[in-house]
N, C-alpha and C. Protein backbone atom coordinates (compact mmCIF):
# COMPACT_ATOMS: atom_id res chain seq x y z
N UNK A 1 42.46 -10.62 -62.35
CA UNK A 1 42.27 -10.73 -60.92
C UNK A 1 42.97 -11.97 -60.36
N UNK A 2 43.08 -12.99 -61.20
CA UNK A 2 43.77 -14.20 -60.73
C UNK A 2 45.23 -13.89 -60.38
N UNK A 3 45.86 -13.04 -61.21
CA UNK A 3 47.26 -12.69 -60.94
C UNK A 3 47.37 -11.91 -59.64
N UNK A 4 46.43 -11.01 -59.38
CA UNK A 4 46.46 -10.26 -58.12
C UNK A 4 46.24 -11.20 -56.94
N UNK A 5 45.27 -12.13 -57.10
CA UNK A 5 45.01 -13.10 -56.03
C UNK A 5 46.25 -13.94 -55.74
N UNK A 6 46.89 -14.41 -56.80
CA UNK A 6 48.13 -15.21 -56.60
C UNK A 6 49.22 -14.36 -55.98
N UNK A 7 49.31 -13.10 -56.38
CA UNK A 7 50.33 -12.21 -55.81
C UNK A 7 50.12 -12.00 -54.32
N UNK A 8 48.88 -11.81 -53.92
CA UNK A 8 48.58 -11.64 -52.49
C UNK A 8 48.91 -12.92 -51.74
N UNK A 9 48.47 -14.05 -52.28
CA UNK A 9 48.73 -15.32 -51.60
C UNK A 9 50.23 -15.61 -51.52
N UNK A 10 50.97 -15.21 -52.52
CA UNK A 10 52.42 -15.44 -52.51
C UNK A 10 53.15 -14.47 -51.59
N UNK A 11 52.49 -13.38 -51.20
CA UNK A 11 53.13 -12.35 -50.38
C UNK A 11 52.71 -12.40 -48.92
N UNK A 12 52.20 -13.52 -48.47
CA UNK A 12 51.72 -13.61 -47.08
C UNK A 12 52.90 -13.71 -46.12
N UNK A 13 53.53 -12.55 -45.93
CA UNK A 13 54.63 -12.45 -44.98
C UNK A 13 54.36 -11.23 -44.10
N UNK A 14 54.74 -11.34 -42.84
CA UNK A 14 54.52 -10.24 -41.91
C UNK A 14 55.22 -8.97 -42.37
N UNK A 15 56.38 -9.11 -43.01
CA UNK A 15 57.12 -7.93 -43.46
C UNK A 15 56.34 -7.13 -44.52
N UNK A 16 55.43 -7.78 -45.21
CA UNK A 16 54.58 -7.09 -46.18
C UNK A 16 53.25 -6.73 -45.54
N UNK A 17 52.66 -7.68 -44.82
CA UNK A 17 51.33 -7.48 -44.26
C UNK A 17 51.28 -6.39 -43.19
N UNK A 18 52.25 -6.36 -42.29
CA UNK A 18 52.19 -5.39 -41.19
C UNK A 18 52.20 -3.93 -41.66
N UNK A 19 53.04 -3.55 -42.63
CA UNK A 19 52.95 -2.16 -43.13
C UNK A 19 51.61 -1.87 -43.82
N UNK A 20 51.08 -2.85 -44.55
CA UNK A 20 49.77 -2.66 -45.19
C UNK A 20 48.70 -2.50 -44.12
N UNK A 21 48.74 -3.34 -43.09
CA UNK A 21 47.78 -3.25 -42.00
C UNK A 21 47.89 -1.91 -41.27
N UNK A 22 49.12 -1.48 -41.00
CA UNK A 22 49.33 -0.18 -40.33
C UNK A 22 48.75 0.95 -41.18
N UNK A 23 48.98 0.89 -42.47
CA UNK A 23 48.41 1.90 -43.37
C UNK A 23 46.89 1.87 -43.37
N UNK A 24 46.32 0.66 -43.37
CA UNK A 24 44.87 0.54 -43.34
C UNK A 24 44.29 1.08 -42.04
N UNK A 25 44.92 0.78 -40.94
CA UNK A 25 44.43 1.27 -39.64
C UNK A 25 44.55 2.79 -39.55
N UNK A 26 45.67 3.33 -40.02
CA UNK A 26 45.88 4.78 -39.96
C UNK A 26 44.89 5.52 -40.87
N UNK A 27 44.70 5.02 -42.09
CA UNK A 27 43.78 5.70 -43.00
C UNK A 27 42.33 5.55 -42.52
N UNK A 28 42.01 4.42 -41.93
CA UNK A 28 40.66 4.23 -41.41
C UNK A 28 40.42 5.15 -40.23
N UNK A 29 41.40 5.28 -39.34
CA UNK A 29 41.25 6.20 -38.21
C UNK A 29 41.01 7.62 -38.73
N UNK A 30 41.87 8.04 -39.66
CA UNK A 30 41.73 9.40 -40.20
C UNK A 30 40.41 9.55 -40.95
N UNK A 31 40.08 8.55 -41.78
CA UNK A 31 38.90 8.64 -42.62
C UNK A 31 37.59 8.57 -41.88
N UNK A 32 37.57 7.93 -40.72
CA UNK A 32 36.31 7.77 -40.00
C UNK A 32 36.18 8.61 -38.74
N UNK A 33 37.25 9.16 -38.26
CA UNK A 33 37.15 9.88 -36.99
C UNK A 33 37.50 11.35 -37.15
N UNK A 34 38.80 11.72 -37.17
CA UNK A 34 39.16 13.12 -37.19
C UNK A 34 38.55 13.86 -38.36
N UNK A 35 38.67 13.32 -39.56
CA UNK A 35 38.19 14.04 -40.74
C UNK A 35 36.67 14.19 -40.73
N UNK A 36 35.96 13.17 -40.25
CA UNK A 36 34.50 13.26 -40.17
C UNK A 36 34.10 14.35 -39.19
N UNK A 37 34.74 14.37 -38.03
CA UNK A 37 34.43 15.39 -37.03
C UNK A 37 34.77 16.80 -37.54
N UNK A 38 35.91 16.92 -38.22
CA UNK A 38 36.31 18.22 -38.76
C UNK A 38 35.30 18.70 -39.81
N UNK A 39 34.90 17.80 -40.70
CA UNK A 39 33.95 18.16 -41.73
C UNK A 39 32.59 18.54 -41.12
N UNK A 40 32.17 17.79 -40.12
CA UNK A 40 30.92 18.13 -39.43
C UNK A 40 31.00 19.53 -38.82
N UNK A 41 32.16 19.87 -38.27
CA UNK A 41 32.36 21.20 -37.71
C UNK A 41 32.30 22.29 -38.77
N UNK A 42 32.82 22.00 -39.96
CA UNK A 42 32.82 22.98 -41.05
C UNK A 42 31.44 23.16 -41.67
N UNK A 43 30.59 22.14 -41.55
CA UNK A 43 29.31 22.16 -42.27
C UNK A 43 28.10 22.21 -41.34
N UNK A 44 28.32 22.43 -40.07
CA UNK A 44 27.19 22.48 -39.15
C UNK A 44 26.56 21.13 -38.90
N UNK A 45 27.37 20.08 -38.97
CA UNK A 45 26.88 18.75 -38.62
C UNK A 45 26.66 17.80 -39.78
N UNK A 46 26.94 18.21 -41.01
CA UNK A 46 26.77 17.30 -42.15
C UNK A 46 27.87 16.24 -42.16
N UNK A 47 27.52 15.08 -42.66
CA UNK A 47 28.49 14.01 -42.85
C UNK A 47 28.93 14.01 -44.31
N UNK A 48 30.08 13.39 -44.58
CA UNK A 48 30.52 13.25 -45.97
C UNK A 48 29.43 12.53 -46.76
N UNK A 49 29.20 12.97 -47.97
CA UNK A 49 28.18 12.32 -48.79
C UNK A 49 28.54 10.87 -49.09
N UNK A 50 29.82 10.56 -49.07
CA UNK A 50 30.33 9.21 -49.34
C UNK A 50 29.86 8.20 -48.31
N UNK A 51 29.46 8.67 -47.12
CA UNK A 51 29.07 7.73 -46.07
C UNK A 51 27.60 7.91 -45.67
N UNK A 52 26.80 8.44 -46.59
CA UNK A 52 25.37 8.57 -46.36
C UNK A 52 24.65 7.61 -47.31
N UNK A 53 24.21 6.46 -46.83
CA UNK A 53 23.70 5.44 -47.75
C UNK A 53 22.38 5.77 -48.44
N UNK A 54 21.52 6.56 -47.87
CA UNK A 54 20.20 6.78 -48.46
C UNK A 54 20.04 8.18 -49.03
N UNK A 55 21.11 8.81 -49.40
CA UNK A 55 21.09 10.17 -49.92
C UNK A 55 20.40 10.21 -51.29
N UNK A 56 19.55 11.21 -51.50
CA UNK A 56 18.92 11.42 -52.81
C UNK A 56 19.62 12.57 -53.51
N UNK A 57 19.35 12.71 -54.81
CA UNK A 57 19.97 13.80 -55.58
C UNK A 57 19.54 15.16 -55.05
N UNK A 58 18.28 15.29 -54.67
CA UNK A 58 17.79 16.56 -54.14
C UNK A 58 18.51 16.88 -52.83
N UNK A 59 18.64 15.90 -51.94
CA UNK A 59 19.35 16.11 -50.67
C UNK A 59 20.83 16.40 -50.91
N UNK A 60 21.39 15.72 -51.88
CA UNK A 60 22.79 15.91 -52.22
C UNK A 60 23.06 17.36 -52.61
N UNK A 61 22.26 17.90 -53.53
CA UNK A 61 22.44 19.29 -53.93
C UNK A 61 22.17 20.24 -52.78
N UNK A 62 21.16 19.94 -51.97
CA UNK A 62 20.85 20.81 -50.82
C UNK A 62 22.04 20.88 -49.87
N UNK A 63 22.70 19.76 -49.66
CA UNK A 63 23.87 19.75 -48.78
C UNK A 63 25.03 20.51 -49.39
N UNK A 64 25.33 20.22 -50.65
CA UNK A 64 26.48 20.85 -51.31
C UNK A 64 26.33 22.38 -51.34
N UNK A 65 25.10 22.86 -51.54
CA UNK A 65 24.86 24.31 -51.57
C UNK A 65 25.25 24.98 -50.26
N UNK A 66 25.22 24.23 -49.15
CA UNK A 66 25.53 24.83 -47.84
C UNK A 66 27.03 24.86 -47.55
N UNK A 67 27.85 24.18 -48.36
CA UNK A 67 29.28 24.14 -48.09
C UNK A 67 29.90 25.53 -48.21
N UNK A 68 30.63 25.91 -47.19
CA UNK A 68 31.45 27.12 -47.30
C UNK A 68 32.63 26.81 -48.21
N UNK A 69 33.38 27.85 -48.58
CA UNK A 69 34.58 27.60 -49.40
C UNK A 69 35.55 26.68 -48.67
N UNK A 70 35.69 26.87 -47.37
CA UNK A 70 36.59 26.03 -46.58
C UNK A 70 36.10 24.59 -46.54
N UNK A 71 34.80 24.39 -46.37
CA UNK A 71 34.24 23.03 -46.35
C UNK A 71 34.41 22.36 -47.71
N UNK A 72 34.18 23.10 -48.79
CA UNK A 72 34.35 22.54 -50.13
C UNK A 72 35.81 22.15 -50.37
N UNK A 73 36.75 23.03 -49.99
CA UNK A 73 38.18 22.70 -50.14
C UNK A 73 38.54 21.46 -49.33
N UNK A 74 38.05 21.38 -48.09
CA UNK A 74 38.35 20.22 -47.26
C UNK A 74 37.77 18.96 -47.87
N UNK A 75 36.53 19.03 -48.36
CA UNK A 75 35.93 17.85 -48.98
C UNK A 75 36.74 17.40 -50.19
N UNK A 76 37.15 18.34 -51.03
CA UNK A 76 37.93 17.98 -52.22
C UNK A 76 39.27 17.37 -51.83
N UNK A 77 39.90 17.90 -50.79
CA UNK A 77 41.15 17.31 -50.32
C UNK A 77 40.87 15.91 -49.77
N UNK A 78 39.82 15.77 -48.99
CA UNK A 78 39.47 14.47 -48.41
C UNK A 78 39.15 13.45 -49.49
N UNK A 79 38.49 13.89 -50.56
CA UNK A 79 38.16 12.94 -51.63
C UNK A 79 39.44 12.42 -52.31
N UNK A 80 40.50 13.24 -52.33
CA UNK A 80 41.79 12.75 -52.85
C UNK A 80 42.36 11.68 -51.91
N UNK A 81 42.26 11.92 -50.62
CA UNK A 81 42.68 10.92 -49.63
C UNK A 81 41.88 9.63 -49.80
N UNK A 82 40.61 9.77 -50.18
CA UNK A 82 39.71 8.62 -50.30
C UNK A 82 40.04 7.73 -51.49
N UNK A 83 41.08 8.05 -52.23
CA UNK A 83 41.58 7.12 -53.25
C UNK A 83 42.51 6.10 -52.61
N UNK A 84 43.29 6.53 -51.64
CA UNK A 84 44.22 5.61 -50.97
C UNK A 84 43.50 4.73 -49.96
N UNK A 85 42.59 5.33 -49.21
CA UNK A 85 41.95 4.63 -48.10
C UNK A 85 41.30 3.31 -48.50
N UNK A 86 40.39 3.26 -49.47
CA UNK A 86 39.76 1.97 -49.77
C UNK A 86 40.74 0.96 -50.35
N UNK A 87 41.70 1.44 -51.15
CA UNK A 87 42.66 0.52 -51.74
C UNK A 87 43.51 -0.15 -50.65
N UNK A 88 44.04 0.64 -49.75
CA UNK A 88 44.89 0.10 -48.69
C UNK A 88 44.07 -0.80 -47.75
N UNK A 89 42.87 -0.37 -47.42
CA UNK A 89 42.04 -1.14 -46.49
C UNK A 89 41.62 -2.47 -47.11
N UNK A 90 41.16 -2.46 -48.34
CA UNK A 90 40.77 -3.72 -48.97
C UNK A 90 41.97 -4.63 -49.20
N UNK A 91 43.11 -4.05 -49.50
CA UNK A 91 44.30 -4.89 -49.65
C UNK A 91 44.65 -5.57 -48.33
N UNK A 92 44.57 -4.85 -47.24
CA UNK A 92 44.82 -5.46 -45.92
C UNK A 92 43.80 -6.55 -45.65
N UNK A 93 42.54 -6.29 -45.95
CA UNK A 93 41.50 -7.31 -45.74
C UNK A 93 41.74 -8.54 -46.61
N UNK A 94 42.25 -8.32 -47.82
CA UNK A 94 42.54 -9.46 -48.69
C UNK A 94 43.72 -10.27 -48.19
N UNK A 95 44.68 -9.62 -47.55
CA UNK A 95 45.77 -10.38 -46.93
C UNK A 95 45.22 -11.26 -45.81
N UNK A 96 44.34 -10.70 -45.00
CA UNK A 96 43.73 -11.48 -43.91
C UNK A 96 42.91 -12.62 -44.50
N UNK A 97 42.15 -12.32 -45.55
CA UNK A 97 41.33 -13.35 -46.19
C UNK A 97 42.20 -14.46 -46.77
N UNK A 98 43.28 -14.08 -47.43
CA UNK A 98 44.19 -15.09 -48.00
C UNK A 98 44.76 -15.97 -46.90
N UNK A 99 45.09 -15.38 -45.76
CA UNK A 99 45.60 -16.17 -44.63
C UNK A 99 44.52 -17.14 -44.14
N UNK A 100 43.28 -16.67 -44.04
CA UNK A 100 42.18 -17.54 -43.60
C UNK A 100 41.95 -18.68 -44.58
N UNK A 101 42.13 -18.42 -45.86
CA UNK A 101 41.95 -19.47 -46.86
C UNK A 101 42.94 -20.61 -46.67
N UNK A 102 44.05 -20.36 -46.01
CA UNK A 102 45.04 -21.42 -45.76
C UNK A 102 44.47 -22.52 -44.88
N UNK A 103 43.40 -22.21 -44.13
CA UNK A 103 42.78 -23.19 -43.26
C UNK A 103 41.63 -23.93 -43.94
N UNK A 104 41.41 -23.64 -45.20
CA UNK A 104 40.34 -24.30 -45.96
C UNK A 104 40.96 -25.29 -46.95
N UNK A 105 40.19 -26.25 -47.39
CA UNK A 105 40.71 -27.23 -48.35
C UNK A 105 41.15 -26.57 -49.66
N UNK A 106 42.02 -27.22 -50.36
CA UNK A 106 42.53 -26.71 -51.64
C UNK A 106 41.37 -26.47 -52.61
N UNK A 107 40.34 -27.31 -52.55
CA UNK A 107 39.20 -27.16 -53.45
C UNK A 107 38.47 -25.83 -53.24
N UNK A 108 38.64 -25.20 -52.09
CA UNK A 108 37.96 -23.94 -51.79
C UNK A 108 38.78 -22.72 -52.20
N UNK A 109 40.04 -22.90 -52.55
CA UNK A 109 40.92 -21.79 -52.85
C UNK A 109 40.45 -20.95 -54.04
N UNK A 110 39.69 -21.57 -54.93
CA UNK A 110 39.21 -20.84 -56.12
C UNK A 110 38.32 -19.65 -55.74
N UNK A 111 37.71 -19.69 -54.57
CA UNK A 111 36.81 -18.62 -54.15
C UNK A 111 37.56 -17.33 -53.81
N UNK A 112 38.84 -17.45 -53.53
CA UNK A 112 39.60 -16.25 -53.17
C UNK A 112 39.61 -15.24 -54.30
N UNK A 113 39.75 -15.70 -55.53
CA UNK A 113 39.78 -14.76 -56.66
C UNK A 113 38.47 -13.99 -56.77
N UNK A 114 37.36 -14.59 -56.39
CA UNK A 114 36.07 -13.88 -56.42
C UNK A 114 36.04 -12.78 -55.36
N UNK A 115 36.60 -13.05 -54.20
CA UNK A 115 36.66 -12.01 -53.17
C UNK A 115 37.60 -10.87 -53.58
N UNK A 116 38.68 -11.22 -54.24
CA UNK A 116 39.59 -10.18 -54.77
C UNK A 116 38.84 -9.32 -55.79
N UNK A 117 38.09 -9.97 -56.66
CA UNK A 117 37.33 -9.23 -57.68
C UNK A 117 36.31 -8.30 -57.03
N UNK A 118 35.55 -8.81 -56.07
CA UNK A 118 34.55 -7.98 -55.39
C UNK A 118 35.22 -6.82 -54.65
N UNK A 119 36.33 -7.11 -53.98
CA UNK A 119 37.02 -6.05 -53.23
C UNK A 119 37.48 -4.93 -54.15
N UNK A 120 38.13 -5.28 -55.24
CA UNK A 120 38.65 -4.23 -56.11
C UNK A 120 37.58 -3.59 -56.99
N UNK A 121 36.46 -4.28 -57.23
CA UNK A 121 35.32 -3.60 -57.86
C UNK A 121 34.76 -2.54 -56.91
N UNK A 122 34.72 -2.87 -55.63
CA UNK A 122 34.28 -1.89 -54.63
C UNK A 122 35.20 -0.68 -54.65
N UNK A 123 36.50 -0.91 -54.71
CA UNK A 123 37.47 0.19 -54.75
C UNK A 123 37.26 1.04 -56.01
N UNK A 124 37.09 0.39 -57.15
CA UNK A 124 36.89 1.14 -58.40
C UNK A 124 35.60 1.95 -58.35
N UNK A 125 34.53 1.39 -57.80
CA UNK A 125 33.29 2.13 -57.66
C UNK A 125 33.47 3.31 -56.71
N UNK A 126 34.24 3.12 -55.65
CA UNK A 126 34.53 4.20 -54.71
C UNK A 126 35.28 5.32 -55.42
N UNK A 127 36.28 4.98 -56.21
CA UNK A 127 37.03 5.99 -56.94
C UNK A 127 36.14 6.76 -57.90
N UNK A 128 35.28 6.04 -58.64
CA UNK A 128 34.38 6.70 -59.58
C UNK A 128 33.38 7.59 -58.84
N UNK A 129 32.89 7.10 -57.70
CA UNK A 129 32.00 7.90 -56.86
C UNK A 129 32.71 9.18 -56.42
N UNK A 130 33.97 9.07 -56.02
CA UNK A 130 34.74 10.25 -55.60
C UNK A 130 34.81 11.29 -56.72
N UNK A 131 35.05 10.83 -57.92
CA UNK A 131 35.12 11.75 -59.07
C UNK A 131 33.78 12.45 -59.24
N UNK A 132 32.70 11.69 -59.17
CA UNK A 132 31.37 12.28 -59.34
C UNK A 132 31.03 13.28 -58.26
N UNK A 133 31.24 12.90 -57.01
CA UNK A 133 30.90 13.81 -55.92
C UNK A 133 31.78 15.07 -55.96
N UNK A 134 33.07 14.90 -56.25
CA UNK A 134 33.96 16.07 -56.34
C UNK A 134 33.53 16.97 -57.49
N UNK A 135 33.14 16.38 -58.61
CA UNK A 135 32.69 17.18 -59.75
C UNK A 135 31.43 17.96 -59.39
N UNK A 136 30.56 17.38 -58.59
CA UNK A 136 29.36 18.10 -58.15
C UNK A 136 29.71 19.30 -57.28
N UNK A 137 30.71 19.12 -56.41
CA UNK A 137 31.12 20.21 -55.53
C UNK A 137 31.70 21.37 -56.36
N UNK A 138 32.54 21.07 -57.33
CA UNK A 138 33.16 22.13 -58.11
C UNK A 138 32.23 22.70 -59.20
N UNK A 139 31.15 21.99 -59.52
CA UNK A 139 30.26 22.46 -60.58
C UNK A 139 29.26 23.51 -60.13
N UNK A 140 29.13 23.71 -58.81
CA UNK A 140 28.18 24.71 -58.34
C UNK A 140 28.51 26.07 -58.94
N UNK A 141 27.58 26.85 -59.32
CA UNK A 141 26.16 26.78 -59.02
C UNK A 141 25.37 25.85 -59.94
N UNK A 142 26.01 25.30 -60.97
CA UNK A 142 25.29 24.33 -61.81
C UNK A 142 24.99 23.09 -60.97
N UNK A 143 23.88 22.45 -61.28
CA UNK A 143 23.49 21.24 -60.57
C UNK A 143 23.09 20.17 -61.59
N UNK A 144 24.09 19.53 -62.20
CA UNK A 144 23.78 18.52 -63.22
C UNK A 144 23.14 17.27 -62.59
N UNK A 145 21.85 17.12 -62.81
CA UNK A 145 21.10 16.01 -62.21
C UNK A 145 21.65 14.67 -62.67
N UNK A 146 22.04 14.56 -63.94
CA UNK A 146 22.56 13.29 -64.44
C UNK A 146 23.81 12.88 -63.68
N UNK A 147 24.66 13.86 -63.34
CA UNK A 147 25.89 13.56 -62.61
C UNK A 147 25.58 13.16 -61.17
N UNK A 148 24.62 13.82 -60.56
CA UNK A 148 24.22 13.45 -59.19
C UNK A 148 23.66 12.04 -59.18
N UNK A 149 22.79 11.73 -60.12
CA UNK A 149 22.19 10.39 -60.16
C UNK A 149 23.23 9.32 -60.47
N UNK A 150 24.15 9.62 -61.37
CA UNK A 150 25.23 8.66 -61.68
C UNK A 150 26.12 8.44 -60.46
N UNK A 151 26.47 9.53 -59.79
CA UNK A 151 27.32 9.43 -58.59
C UNK A 151 26.63 8.62 -57.50
N UNK A 152 25.33 8.85 -57.33
CA UNK A 152 24.59 8.10 -56.32
C UNK A 152 24.44 6.63 -56.71
N UNK A 153 24.33 6.35 -58.00
CA UNK A 153 24.29 4.96 -58.46
C UNK A 153 25.63 4.27 -58.18
N UNK A 154 26.72 4.96 -58.45
CA UNK A 154 28.06 4.42 -58.14
C UNK A 154 28.20 4.20 -56.63
N UNK A 155 27.67 5.15 -55.85
CA UNK A 155 27.69 5.06 -54.39
C UNK A 155 26.94 3.82 -53.93
N UNK A 156 25.74 3.59 -54.49
CA UNK A 156 24.95 2.41 -54.12
C UNK A 156 25.68 1.13 -54.52
N UNK A 157 26.31 1.15 -55.69
CA UNK A 157 27.08 -0.03 -56.13
C UNK A 157 28.24 -0.32 -55.19
N UNK A 158 28.92 0.74 -54.77
CA UNK A 158 30.02 0.57 -53.82
C UNK A 158 29.53 -0.07 -52.53
N UNK A 159 28.43 0.44 -52.03
CA UNK A 159 27.89 -0.10 -50.78
C UNK A 159 27.45 -1.56 -50.94
N UNK A 160 26.83 -1.88 -52.08
CA UNK A 160 26.41 -3.26 -52.33
C UNK A 160 27.60 -4.20 -52.40
N UNK A 161 28.62 -3.83 -53.16
CA UNK A 161 29.80 -4.69 -53.27
C UNK A 161 30.53 -4.79 -51.93
N UNK A 162 30.49 -3.73 -51.14
CA UNK A 162 31.08 -3.77 -49.81
C UNK A 162 30.36 -4.81 -48.94
N UNK A 163 29.04 -4.84 -49.01
CA UNK A 163 28.26 -5.82 -48.26
C UNK A 163 28.59 -7.24 -48.74
N UNK A 164 28.68 -7.43 -50.04
CA UNK A 164 29.00 -8.75 -50.59
C UNK A 164 30.39 -9.19 -50.11
N UNK A 165 31.36 -8.28 -50.17
CA UNK A 165 32.70 -8.64 -49.70
C UNK A 165 32.68 -9.01 -48.22
N UNK A 166 32.04 -8.18 -47.41
CA UNK A 166 32.00 -8.45 -45.97
C UNK A 166 31.31 -9.77 -45.65
N UNK A 167 30.24 -10.08 -46.38
CA UNK A 167 29.56 -11.36 -46.18
C UNK A 167 30.49 -12.52 -46.56
N UNK A 168 31.17 -12.39 -47.68
CA UNK A 168 32.12 -13.43 -48.09
C UNK A 168 33.25 -13.59 -47.09
N UNK A 169 33.77 -12.48 -46.61
CA UNK A 169 34.83 -12.52 -45.60
C UNK A 169 34.35 -13.25 -44.35
N UNK A 170 33.13 -12.94 -43.91
CA UNK A 170 32.59 -13.59 -42.70
C UNK A 170 32.42 -15.09 -42.91
N UNK A 171 31.95 -15.50 -44.07
CA UNK A 171 31.80 -16.93 -44.36
C UNK A 171 33.16 -17.62 -44.31
N UNK A 172 34.16 -17.01 -44.93
CA UNK A 172 35.51 -17.59 -44.93
C UNK A 172 36.06 -17.64 -43.50
N UNK A 173 35.87 -16.57 -42.74
CA UNK A 173 36.39 -16.53 -41.37
C UNK A 173 35.74 -17.61 -40.51
N UNK A 174 34.43 -17.76 -40.61
CA UNK A 174 33.74 -18.79 -39.82
C UNK A 174 34.19 -20.18 -40.25
N UNK A 175 34.25 -20.42 -41.56
CA UNK A 175 34.68 -21.73 -42.06
C UNK A 175 36.11 -22.05 -41.61
N UNK A 176 36.99 -21.05 -41.67
CA UNK A 176 38.38 -21.26 -41.25
C UNK A 176 38.46 -21.54 -39.75
N UNK A 177 37.74 -20.78 -38.95
CA UNK A 177 37.76 -20.99 -37.50
C UNK A 177 37.16 -22.33 -37.11
N UNK A 178 36.03 -22.65 -37.69
CA UNK A 178 35.40 -23.95 -37.40
C UNK A 178 36.32 -25.08 -37.83
N UNK A 179 36.88 -24.95 -39.03
CA UNK A 179 37.80 -25.98 -39.52
C UNK A 179 39.04 -26.11 -38.66
N UNK A 180 39.56 -25.00 -38.22
CA UNK A 180 40.78 -25.00 -37.41
C UNK A 180 40.56 -25.66 -36.06
N UNK A 181 39.40 -25.39 -35.45
CA UNK A 181 39.19 -25.89 -34.09
C UNK A 181 38.42 -27.21 -34.01
N UNK A 182 37.78 -27.61 -35.10
CA UNK A 182 37.03 -28.87 -35.04
C UNK A 182 37.54 -29.91 -36.03
N UNK A 183 38.35 -29.49 -36.95
CA UNK A 183 38.82 -30.41 -37.99
C UNK A 183 37.85 -30.54 -39.14
N UNK A 184 36.68 -29.87 -39.06
CA UNK A 184 35.70 -29.92 -40.14
C UNK A 184 36.18 -29.08 -41.31
N UNK A 185 35.98 -29.59 -42.48
CA UNK A 185 36.33 -28.84 -43.70
C UNK A 185 35.15 -28.87 -44.64
N UNK A 186 34.78 -27.73 -45.20
CA UNK A 186 33.64 -27.72 -46.14
C UNK A 186 33.93 -28.60 -47.34
N UNK A 187 32.93 -29.28 -47.84
CA UNK A 187 33.15 -30.22 -48.94
C UNK A 187 32.87 -29.62 -50.31
N UNK A 188 32.28 -28.46 -50.37
CA UNK A 188 31.93 -27.87 -51.66
C UNK A 188 33.16 -27.33 -52.34
């Protein structure tokens, strides 16, 4: 992760960041708006299981059983898209985070590698969650409870690491802004 962190910090140029940011914005728009609305239309109002934080295994199977063939195909296609979306989005966020770290003392730079680690652990958990949820969709009429519970555990881990990353990002952003406008620098 240190090599990735150094690579991001060494690549802080608009010619690299702007295409990554454009990709993140485009995939986020698609992933959160059009595709969600389309899927809701195909399923009578259901949301993607990937964005339901309190879903249980029983609810998960109940939802999947209602998917039409078209809804199942769309979900499987969308889950393939969901491999690019978190990677591109977290990479863009890490570029922003690396830029914010430039306003912090050198002694604080070591924390960037931890945010890189948390970000890409979130991405890996998202990918594993995608595999599990897609496997559940294609496994019907079988309903392997172990796979549902594992997928939901990966889902919870993804959400937890996402919260940790966002909290870390907010701390860095506030510290950078305060430092930039007041001259204060954290001493830790």
